[in-house]
Amino acid sequence: MGQSRLAQLAEYGLGQAYFIAGRYREAEKMLGRACARLMGPEASAPIGTTVQYLLLMCCMMKSLTHTTLGEFDAADQFQQRAQAIADETSRPFDRVAAAYSSGGLMLGRGDPAAAAIVLEEGFALAKKHEVRLFVPPIACHLGMAYLEQESFGAARDILAEARETAESIGYKSTELRAAIYLALALGRTADVREALNMLRDARNTARQQGFSGLEAEALLCEAMVTPATNEEGRDKIILCLRACIAIAKQSSAKPLLLKAETLLGRMLANTENAESFPQDGVHRT
């Protein structure tokens, strides 16, 4: 029985580690094993925690993982289970955890306005009850929701807070993610050069630490911020997008892959058009 309790906790921890490393399919399988154990007739939890708590955390992470993989129906199934536990216990921690994965699923499905509502409530609850562990990741998701709605000033402020709080508690992966999207917000409102420097730093750090998913996100944002005003800029954008696509394919991150492929298709089409109309104004075929 003791080994079973520790196995469930270990499976959750390993699943989370796989997720952070961008090994999403392995994360999904490991978290699935933990969920199956915790929903089984002989479910147990280590001393100091409960089956409900572990199941909530596993369902939250499994929902986030399926969202990253683009498997939204499966994500919704586990999100509903996490929400049911939060509704039953009504503990602030549980409600914040459920809000985090719920907002992430809404973002994945392309509904940033609805995501922002849920994440704003979760963020306020986390700060009110000092659920410090969730303040940075929820703030990061909230900043992404604001970016999707082109609320760049609000995105900049919340992402700066997310990065600062993540750094203070040693949450390196969330600190990097906040920095990536903060740079995207800055690139839309302020100094593009500063934004690109931040993105390159984040990309290099993600690569060094083995966070391949974050490296791909940094590459995508670098492509979005880089000006396409000359051939050098266009070549850099294409290079970033192709690198992002390679990582997204390897990790099966379908939504990220679709974004990068769509942008690459547009860039290649624009490049072909630009080459067809040189500076002398003569259209060559």
Protein backbone atom coordinates (compact mmCIF):
# COMPACT_ATOMS: atom_id res chain seq x y z
CA MET A 1 0.00 0.00 0.00
CA GLY A 2 2.83 2.39 0.87
CA GLN A 3 4.51 1.77 -2.48
CA SER A 4 1.21 2.44 -4.27
CA ARG A 5 0.85 5.78 -2.49
CA LEU A 6 4.35 6.82 -3.44
CA ALA A 7 3.89 5.57 -7.01
CA GLN A 8 0.94 7.90 -7.58
CA LEU A 9 2.85 10.88 -6.28
CA ALA A 10 5.89 9.93 -8.36
CA GLU A 11 3.75 9.54 -11.50
CA TYR A 12 2.30 13.00 -10.99
CA GLY A 13 5.75 14.52 -10.46
CA LEU A 14 7.19 12.73 -13.49
CA GLY A 15 4.23 13.73 -15.65
CA GLN A 16 4.73 17.36 -14.68
CA ALA A 17 8.46 17.09 -15.44
CA TYR A 18 7.71 15.62 -18.89
CA PHE A 19 5.29 18.48 -19.56
CA ILE A 20 7.83 21.15 -18.64
CA ALA A 21 10.40 19.42 -20.86
CA GLY A 22 8.01 19.49 -23.81
CA ARG A 23 7.57 15.71 -23.83
CA TYR A 24 3.80 16.03 -23.94
CA ARG A 25 2.83 12.53 -25.05
CA GLU A 26 4.92 10.97 -22.30
CA ALA A 27 3.39 13.44 -19.84
CA GLU A 28 -0.14 12.52 -20.95
CA LYS A 29 0.52 8.80 -20.50
CA MET A 30 2.20 9.16 -17.11
CA LEU A 31 -0.55 11.43 -15.76
CA GLY A 32 -3.14 9.02 -17.17
CA ARG A 33 -1.63 6.20 -15.12
CA ALA A 34 -1.79 8.34 -11.98
CA CYS A 35 -5.42 9.33 -12.66
CA ALA A 36 -6.40 5.68 -13.22
CA ARG A 37 -4.85 4.67 -9.89
CA LEU A 38 -6.48 7.55 -8.04
CA MET A 39 -9.92 6.79 -9.51
CA GLY A 40 -9.59 3.07 -8.78
CA PRO A 41 -11.13 1.12 -5.87
CA GLU A 42 -7.83 0.95 -3.97
CA ALA A 43 -6.86 4.59 -4.36
CA SER A 44 -4.57 5.94 -1.67
CA ALA A 45 -2.37 8.96 -1.08
CA PRO A 46 0.85 9.61 0.87
CA ILE A 47 0.60 10.86 4.44
CA GLY A 48 0.03 14.62 4.47
CA THR A 49 -2.15 14.72 1.37
CA THR A 50 -5.43 13.21 0.13
CA VAL A 51 -6.65 11.20 -2.85
CA GLN A 52 -8.91 14.11 -3.83
CA TYR A 53 -6.02 16.57 -3.84
CA LEU A 54 -3.75 14.34 -5.93
CA LEU A 55 -6.56 13.50 -8.35
CA LEU A 56 -7.36 17.18 -8.80
CA MET A 57 -3.74 18.02 -9.58
CA CYS A 58 -3.38 15.08 -11.96
CA CYS A 59 -6.61 15.99 -13.79
CA MET A 60 -5.51 19.62 -14.00
CA MET A 61 -2.16 18.65 -15.54
CA LYS A 62 -3.74 16.06 -17.82
CA SER A 63 -6.19 18.66 -19.11
CA LEU A 64 -3.36 21.12 -19.77
CA THR A 65 -1.36 18.43 -21.54
CA HIS A 66 -4.23 17.40 -23.81
CA THR A 67 -4.82 21.09 -24.57
CA THR A 68 -1.19 21.49 -25.61
CA LEU A 69 -1.56 18.42 -27.83
CA GLY A 70 -4.71 19.88 -29.40
CA GLU A 71 -6.92 17.12 -27.96
CA PHE A 72 -9.62 19.39 -26.64
CA ASP A 73 -12.35 16.81 -25.97
CA ALA A 74 -10.01 14.78 -23.77
CA ALA A 75 -8.83 18.00 -22.09
CA ASP A 76 -12.44 18.93 -21.36
CA GLN A 77 -13.13 15.53 -19.81
CA PHE A 78 -10.34 15.89 -17.27
CA GLN A 79 -11.08 19.58 -16.71
CA GLN A 80 -14.64 18.68 -15.76
CA ARG A 81 -13.33 16.15 -13.24
CA ALA A 82 -10.99 18.76 -11.73
CA GLN A 83 -13.82 21.29 -11.57
CA ALA A 84 -16.13 18.77 -9.89
CA ILE A 85 -13.57 18.19 -7.14
CA ALA A 86 -13.08 21.95 -6.68
CA ASP A 87 -16.85 22.48 -6.50
CA GLU A 88 -17.17 19.70 -3.94
CA THR A 89 -14.36 20.83 -1.62
CA SER A 90 -14.73 24.59 -2.23
CA ARG A 91 -11.13 24.98 -1.04
CA PRO A 92 -9.47 28.11 -2.49
CA PHE A 93 -6.45 26.07 -3.63
CA ASP A 94 -8.66 23.61 -5.52
CA ARG A 95 -10.72 26.36 -7.12
CA VAL A 96 -7.56 28.15 -8.27
CA ALA A 97 -6.12 24.94 -9.74
CA ALA A 98 -9.34 24.25 -11.64
CA ALA A 99 -9.44 27.85 -12.92
CA TYR A 100 -5.88 27.50 -14.22
CA SER A 101 -6.61 24.48 -16.41
CA SER A 102 -10.05 25.81 -17.39
CA GLY A 103 -8.55 29.08 -18.62
CA GLY A 104 -5.85 27.17 -20.46
CA LEU A 105 -8.44 25.04 -22.25
CA MET A 106 -10.43 28.13 -23.27
CA LEU A 107 -7.27 29.71 -24.64
CA GLY A 108 -6.51 26.56 -26.58
CA ARG A 109 -9.98 26.57 -28.07
CA GLY A 110 -9.55 30.14 -29.23
CA ASP A 111 -11.80 31.93 -26.73
CA PRO A 112 -9.50 34.44 -24.98
CA ALA A 113 -12.37 36.61 -23.70
CA ALA A 114 -13.94 33.72 -21.77
CA ALA A 115 -10.49 32.58 -20.65
CA ALA A 116 -9.71 36.04 -19.27
CA ILE A 117 -12.86 36.04 -17.13
CA VAL A 118 -12.04 32.67 -15.56
CA LEU A 119 -8.36 33.50 -15.11
CA GLU A 120 -9.05 36.92 -13.59
CA GLU A 121 -11.25 35.23 -10.97
CA GLY A 122 -8.61 32.57 -10.33
CA PHE A 123 -5.85 35.15 -10.10
CA ALA A 124 -7.80 37.27 -7.60
CA LEU A 125 -8.59 34.17 -5.53
CA ALA A 126 -4.95 33.04 -5.56
CA LYS A 127 -3.76 36.42 -4.31
CA LYS A 128 -6.51 36.74 -1.71
CA HIS A 129 -5.79 33.34 -0.16
CA GLU A 130 -2.02 33.45 -0.79
CA VAL A 131 -2.01 30.42 -3.10
CA ARG A 132 1.41 31.62 -4.22
CA LEU A 133 2.26 28.54 -6.26
CA PHE A 134 -0.44 29.39 -8.81
CA VAL A 135 -0.01 33.16 -9.05
CA PRO A 136 2.71 33.06 -11.77
CA PRO A 137 1.17 30.43 -14.10
CA ILE A 138 -2.33 31.93 -13.89
CA ALA A 139 -0.92 35.42 -14.46
CA CYS A 140 1.00 34.07 -17.46
CA HIS A 141 -2.14 32.54 -18.99
CA LEU A 142 -4.04 35.75 -18.26
CA GLY A 143 -1.38 37.78 -20.05
CA MET A 144 -1.69 35.48 -23.06
CA ALA A 145 -5.46 35.99 -23.05
CA TYR A 146 -4.95 39.76 -23.03
CA LEU A 147 -2.46 39.49 -25.90
CA GLU A 148 -4.99 37.53 -27.96
CA GLN A 149 -7.45 40.39 -27.43
CA GLU A 150 -4.77 42.99 -28.30
CA SER A 151 -4.89 44.50 -24.81
CA PHE A 152 -1.14 44.98 -24.92
CA GLY A 153 -0.79 47.31 -21.94
CA ALA A 154 -2.72 44.98 -19.62
CA ALA A 155 -0.75 42.02 -20.97
CA ARG A 156 2.55 43.76 -20.33
CA ASP A 157 1.67 44.57 -16.71
CA ILE A 158 0.37 41.13 -15.74
CA LEU A 159 3.21 39.29 -17.51
CA ALA A 160 5.80 41.46 -15.76
CA GLU A 161 4.20 40.49 -12.45
CA ALA A 162 4.13 36.83 -13.49
CA ARG A 163 7.84 36.88 -14.31
CA GLU A 164 8.78 38.65 -11.09
CA THR A 165 6.72 36.32 -8.89
CA ALA A 166 7.96 33.20 -10.69
CA GLU A 167 11.55 34.32 -10.19
CA SER A 168 10.96 34.95 -6.48
CA ILE A 169 9.72 31.39 -5.88
CA GLY A 170 12.17 29.69 -8.24
CA TYR A 171 9.58 28.63 -10.82
CA LYS A 172 12.00 28.78 -13.75
CA SER A 173 9.78 27.40 -16.51
CA THR A 174 6.99 29.89 -15.76
CA GLU A 175 9.51 32.72 -15.43
CA LEU A 176 10.73 31.91 -18.94
CA ARG A 177 7.23 31.61 -20.36
CA ALA A 178 6.22 34.95 -18.85
CA ALA A 179 9.38 36.53 -20.30
CA ILE A 180 8.54 35.17 -23.76
CA TYR A 181 5.04 36.64 -23.84
CA LEU A 182 6.13 39.83 -22.06
CA ALA A 183 8.58 40.31 -24.92
CA LEU A 184 5.75 39.78 -27.40
CA ALA A 185 3.70 42.45 -25.60
CA LEU A 186 6.68 44.84 -25.60
CA GLY A 187 7.21 44.18 -29.28
CA ARG A 188 3.67 45.39 -29.92
CA THR A 189 3.92 48.51 -27.77
CA ALA A 190 7.51 49.61 -27.32
CA ASP A 191 11.06 48.77 -28.40
CA VAL A 192 11.24 45.88 -30.87
CA ARG A 193 14.99 45.55 -30.29
CA GLU A 194 14.49 45.07 -26.55
CA ALA A 195 11.76 42.51 -27.22
CA LEU A 196 13.98 40.53 -29.59
CA ASN A 197 16.85 40.53 -27.09
CA MET A 198 14.51 39.15 -24.42
CA LEU A 199 13.22 36.46 -26.77
CA ARG A 200 16.70 35.34 -27.79
CA ASP A 201 17.76 35.16 -24.14
CA ALA A 202 14.64 33.15 -23.27
CA ARG A 203 15.12 30.85 -26.28
CA ASN A 204 18.76 30.14 -25.38
CA THR A 205 17.93 29.52 -21.73
CA ALA A 206 15.06 27.19 -22.64
CA ARG A 207 17.36 25.21 -24.94
CA GLN A 208 20.08 24.97 -22.27
CA GLN A 209 17.63 23.75 -19.64
CA GLY A 210 15.86 21.27 -21.91
CA PHE A 211 12.53 23.10 -22.08
CA SER A 212 11.86 22.32 -25.74
CA GLY A 213 8.24 23.48 -25.66
CA LEU A 214 9.27 26.88 -24.36
CA GLU A 215 12.05 27.06 -26.94
CA ALA A 216 9.45 26.54 -29.67
CA GLU A 217 7.17 29.22 -28.20
CA ALA A 218 10.08 31.65 -28.06
CA LEU A 219 10.91 30.93 -31.70
CA LEU A 220 7.30 31.57 -32.72
CA CYS A 221 7.17 34.87 -30.82
CA GLU A 222 10.56 35.90 -32.22
CA ALA A 223 9.13 35.37 -35.70
CA MET A 224 6.08 37.46 -34.79
CA VAL A 225 8.16 40.35 -33.44
CA THR A 226 10.89 40.43 -36.10
CA PRO A 227 10.15 43.14 -38.71
CA ALA A 228 9.66 41.76 -42.23
CA THR A 229 10.80 45.00 -43.84
CA ASN A 230 13.80 43.58 -45.70
CA GLU A 231 15.22 40.30 -46.96
CA GLU A 232 17.32 39.75 -43.84
CA GLY A 233 14.27 40.13 -41.61
CA ARG A 234 12.18 37.81 -43.76
CA ASP A 235 14.92 35.18 -43.79
CA LYS A 236 15.17 35.36 -39.99
CA ILE A 237 11.40 34.94 -39.60
CA ILE A 238 11.38 31.91 -41.91
CA LEU A 239 14.31 30.38 -40.01
CA CYS A 240 12.54 30.84 -36.64
CA LEU A 241 9.28 29.38 -37.94
CA ARG A 242 10.95 26.33 -39.45
CA ALA A 243 12.80 25.67 -36.19
CA CYS A 244 9.54 26.06 -34.25
CA ILE A 245 7.77 23.66 -36.62
CA ALA A 246 10.49 21.03 -36.18
CA ILE A 247 10.13 21.11 -32.38
CA ALA A 248 6.33 21.20 -32.47
CA LYS A 249 6.23 18.16 -34.76
CA GLN A 250 8.57 16.23 -32.51
CA SER A 251 6.51 17.02 -29.40
CA SER A 252 3.09 16.61 -31.12
CA ALA A 253 2.07 20.15 -30.07
CA LYS A 254 -0.56 20.52 -32.81
CA PRO A 255 -1.92 24.02 -31.96
CA LEU A 256 1.59 25.47 -31.89
CA LEU A 257 2.43 23.61 -35.10
CA LEU A 258 -0.65 24.99 -36.84
CA LYS A 259 0.19 28.58 -35.84
CA ALA A 260 3.76 28.29 -37.05
CA GLU A 261 2.80 26.59 -40.33
CA THR A 262 0.14 29.22 -41.02
CA LEU A 263 2.61 32.07 -40.43
CA LEU A 264 5.26 30.34 -42.53
CA GLY A 265 2.82 29.88 -45.41
CA ARG A 266 1.95 33.57 -45.34
CA MET A 267 5.59 34.61 -45.11
CA LEU A 268 6.64 32.42 -48.03
CA ALA A 269 3.75 33.74 -50.12
CA ASN A 270 4.67 37.34 -49.30
CA THR A 271 8.32 36.65 -50.06
CA GLU A 272 7.43 35.22 -53.47
CA ASN A 273 5.29 38.28 -54.21
CA ALA A 274 8.09 40.62 -53.13
CA GLU A 275 10.56 38.82 -55.41
CA SER A 276 8.12 39.11 -58.33
CA PHE A 277 8.09 42.92 -58.00
CA PRO A 278 11.68 44.19 -57.76
CA GLN A 279 12.64 47.77 -57.18
CA ASP A 280 12.65 48.62 -60.87
CA GLY A 281 8.92 47.85 -60.94
CA VAL A 282 9.22 45.20 -63.66
CA HIS A 283 7.22 42.06 -62.91
CA ARG A 284 9.31 38.99 -63.75
CA THR A 285 7.91 35.46 -63.99
